[in-house]
Protein backbone atom coordinates (compact mmCIF):
# COMPACT_ATOMS: atom_id res chain seq x y z
CA MET A 1 41.46 -11.33 29.64
CA PRO A 2 38.17 -13.66 30.72
CA LYS A 3 37.86 -14.94 33.58
CA ILE A 4 37.99 -18.72 34.02
CA ASN A 5 35.11 -20.55 35.76
CA PRO A 6 36.05 -23.28 37.89
CA ILE A 7 35.15 -26.12 34.98
CA GLN A 8 37.65 -24.15 33.48
CA ALA A 9 40.00 -24.41 36.67
CA ALA A 10 40.21 -28.19 37.10
CA ALA A 11 40.44 -28.99 33.16
CA LEU A 12 43.28 -26.56 33.08
CA LYS A 13 44.69 -28.83 35.92
CA GLU A 14 44.35 -32.36 34.31
CA PRO A 15 47.24 -33.81 32.66
CA VAL A 16 47.27 -34.08 29.08
CA THR A 17 47.07 -36.87 27.78
CA SER A 18 47.84 -37.59 24.27
CA ILE A 19 45.53 -40.06 21.70
CA SER A 20 47.18 -41.87 19.04
CA THR A 21 45.07 -42.43 16.01
CA ALA A 22 47.41 -45.73 15.51
CA LYS A 23 45.43 -48.87 15.55
CA PRO A 24 46.37 -51.53 17.97
CA ALA A 25 47.96 -54.68 16.81
CA ALA A 26 45.74 -57.82 16.15
CA ASN A 27 46.85 -60.26 18.76
CA LYS A 28 46.53 -57.25 21.43
CA VAL A 29 42.99 -56.83 22.72
CA ALA A 30 43.04 -54.31 25.24
CA VAL A 31 39.92 -51.87 25.88
CA THR A 32 40.59 -49.95 28.99
CA LYS A 33 37.99 -47.38 30.68
CA PRO A 34 39.15 -43.76 30.64
CA GLU A 35 38.93 -42.46 33.88
CA THR A 36 36.31 -40.41 34.90
CA LYS A 37 35.95 -37.26 37.65
CA THR A 38 33.52 -35.81 39.20
CA ILE A 39 33.73 -32.25 39.86
CA THR A 40 30.60 -30.27 41.59
CA THR A 41 30.83 -26.25 41.42
CA ALA A 42 28.25 -24.86 43.37
CA LYS A 43 27.20 -22.26 40.08
CA PRO A 44 28.49 -22.69 37.16
CA THR A 45 29.44 -19.57 35.06
CA VAL A 46 29.48 -18.35 31.14
CA ALA A 47 32.16 -16.42 30.34
CA LYS A 48 30.98 -13.67 27.59
CA VAL A 49 32.96 -14.17 23.83
CA ALA A 50 32.41 -11.12 21.67
CA VAL A 51 31.59 -11.94 18.44
CA PRO A 52 32.11 -9.35 15.76
CA ALA A 53 29.09 -7.80 14.11
CA VAL A 54 29.96 -9.27 10.34
CA ALA A 55 29.56 -12.78 12.19
CA LYS A 56 26.35 -12.21 13.30
CA LYS A 57 25.29 -11.22 10.55
CA MET A 58 26.56 -14.09 8.50
CA THR A 59 25.01 -16.63 11.05
CA GLU A 60 20.99 -14.73 11.53
CA LYS A 61 18.60 -16.53 9.77
CA VAL A 62 16.20 -15.23 7.38
CA THR A 63 13.00 -15.03 9.09
CA PRO A 64 9.31 -14.84 6.41
CA LYS A 65 9.04 -12.06 8.43
CA LYS A 66 12.15 -10.35 7.25
CA GLU A 67 11.24 -11.95 3.44
CA ALA A 68 7.64 -9.74 3.91
CA LYS A 69 9.62 -6.25 4.76
CA ALA A 70 11.57 -6.69 2.24
CA ALA A 71 8.92 -7.34 -0.46
CA LYS A 72 7.00 -4.20 0.16
CA PRO A 73 6.98 -1.37 -2.20
CA VAL A 74 7.72 1.65 -1.86
CA LYS A 75 5.55 4.14 -0.84
CA GLU A 76 5.66 7.34 -2.80
CA LYS A 77 5.75 10.04 -0.16
CA ILE A 78 3.15 12.39 -0.86
CA PRO A 79 3.00 15.72 -0.04
CA LYS A 80 1.31 16.91 3.37
CA LEU A 81 -0.65 19.52 2.82
CA LYS A 82 -0.37 22.73 4.65
CA MET A 83 -3.96 23.66 6.74
CA GLU A 84 -5.51 27.19 7.13
CA ARG A 85 -6.95 27.97 10.29
CA ASP A 86 -9.06 30.80 10.31
CA SER A 87 -12.27 32.76 12.07
CA PHE A 88 -15.02 33.75 10.73
CA THR A 89 -18.80 35.57 11.38
CA MET A 90 -22.02 34.12 11.57
CA PRO A 91 -25.73 34.25 12.54
CA LYS A 92 -26.65 32.00 14.64
CA ALA A 93 -29.76 30.67 12.32
CA GLU A 94 -26.91 29.45 9.77
CA TYR A 95 -24.44 28.76 12.52
CA ALA A 96 -27.53 25.45 12.97
CA GLN A 97 -27.33 24.68 9.96
CA PHE A 98 -24.65 22.78 10.41
CA TYR A 99 -26.44 20.51 13.10
CA VAL A 100 -28.97 20.11 10.53
CA LEU A 101 -27.28 19.24 7.76
CA LYS A 102 -24.59 16.94 9.90
CA ASP A 103 -27.77 15.26 11.56
CA ARG A 104 -29.11 14.51 7.59
CA LEU A 105 -25.96 13.15 6.06
CA ALA A 106 -25.32 10.89 9.83
CA LYS A 107 -29.36 8.94 8.89
CA LEU A 108 -28.00 8.29 5.33
CA GLY A 109 -25.08 6.74 6.59
CA ALA A 110 -22.59 9.49 5.29
CA PRO A 111 -21.37 11.59 8.68
CA ALA A 112 -19.63 14.61 7.83
CA LYS A 113 -17.71 17.87 10.24
CA LYS A 114 -18.69 21.02 10.07
CA SER A 115 -15.48 21.51 8.18
CA GLU A 116 -15.70 19.20 5.25
CA LEU A 117 -19.74 20.75 5.31
CA LEU A 118 -17.65 24.30 4.62
CA ARG A 119 -15.15 22.78 1.58
CA ALA A 120 -18.63 21.73 0.31
CA GLY A 121 -20.14 23.97 0.09
CA ILE A 122 -17.03 26.46 -1.82
CA MET A 123 -16.61 23.42 -3.67
CA GLN A 124 -20.58 23.55 -4.90
CA LEU A 125 -19.58 27.45 -5.38
CA SER A 126 -16.91 26.92 -7.20
CA ALA A 127 -19.03 24.85 -9.64
CA MET A 128 -21.14 27.47 -11.07
CA THR A 129 -21.42 29.46 -13.39
CA ASP A 130 -21.14 33.45 -13.02
CA ALA A 131 -24.98 34.33 -12.82
CA ALA A 132 -25.51 31.36 -10.65
CA LEU A 133 -22.97 32.32 -8.18
CA LYS A 134 -23.32 36.19 -8.40
CA ALA A 135 -26.92 35.13 -7.50
CA ALA A 136 -26.57 33.07 -4.57
CA MET A 137 -24.17 35.62 -2.90
CA SER A 138 -26.94 38.45 -3.88
CA LYS A 139 -29.84 36.43 -1.43
CA VAL A 140 -26.54 35.96 1.41
CA PRO A 141 -27.21 38.90 3.70
CA THR A 142 -23.85 41.43 4.49
CA ILE A 143 -22.72 40.88 8.19
CA LYS A 144 -21.31 43.10 10.50
CA THR A 145 -17.12 41.36 10.50
CA GLY A 146 -15.26 41.26 13.90
CA ARG A 147 -15.78 40.11 17.26
CA PRO A 148 -18.96 42.04 19.59
CA LYS A 149 -17.68 44.83 22.23
CA LYS A 150 -17.30 43.27 25.82
CA LYS A 151 -20.25 45.05 28.32
């Protein structure tokens, strides 16, 4: 049972007066002032009352934000692309071409990363005919793979 604050305790001590709904007689005009008491307390406290969850939902107002959330279309889940990390060996002169191409693309207003340049190169090789692909690959020298030995 919740605790009763001092204001409620004082109200319980006062005698209960019945309120009559009957109209006074026409010849009797009696106006009386109700007796008032002033109660001062140091600090009024408020009793907390548990409200059922159903009542809370019923009293909540629908705000425009909630309506906007409800009106959003459901996005389809796009399957996440799986990435593959790999290392490779490349001569320094060819590796420097990454920076040359990155600078050219930055000046053109389309900056790119090294991985994007590699992917673009793979796309171009894939789009070539068999003869053009064979000719392009013949220009690429074969290098020894693996890490160099520590001295």
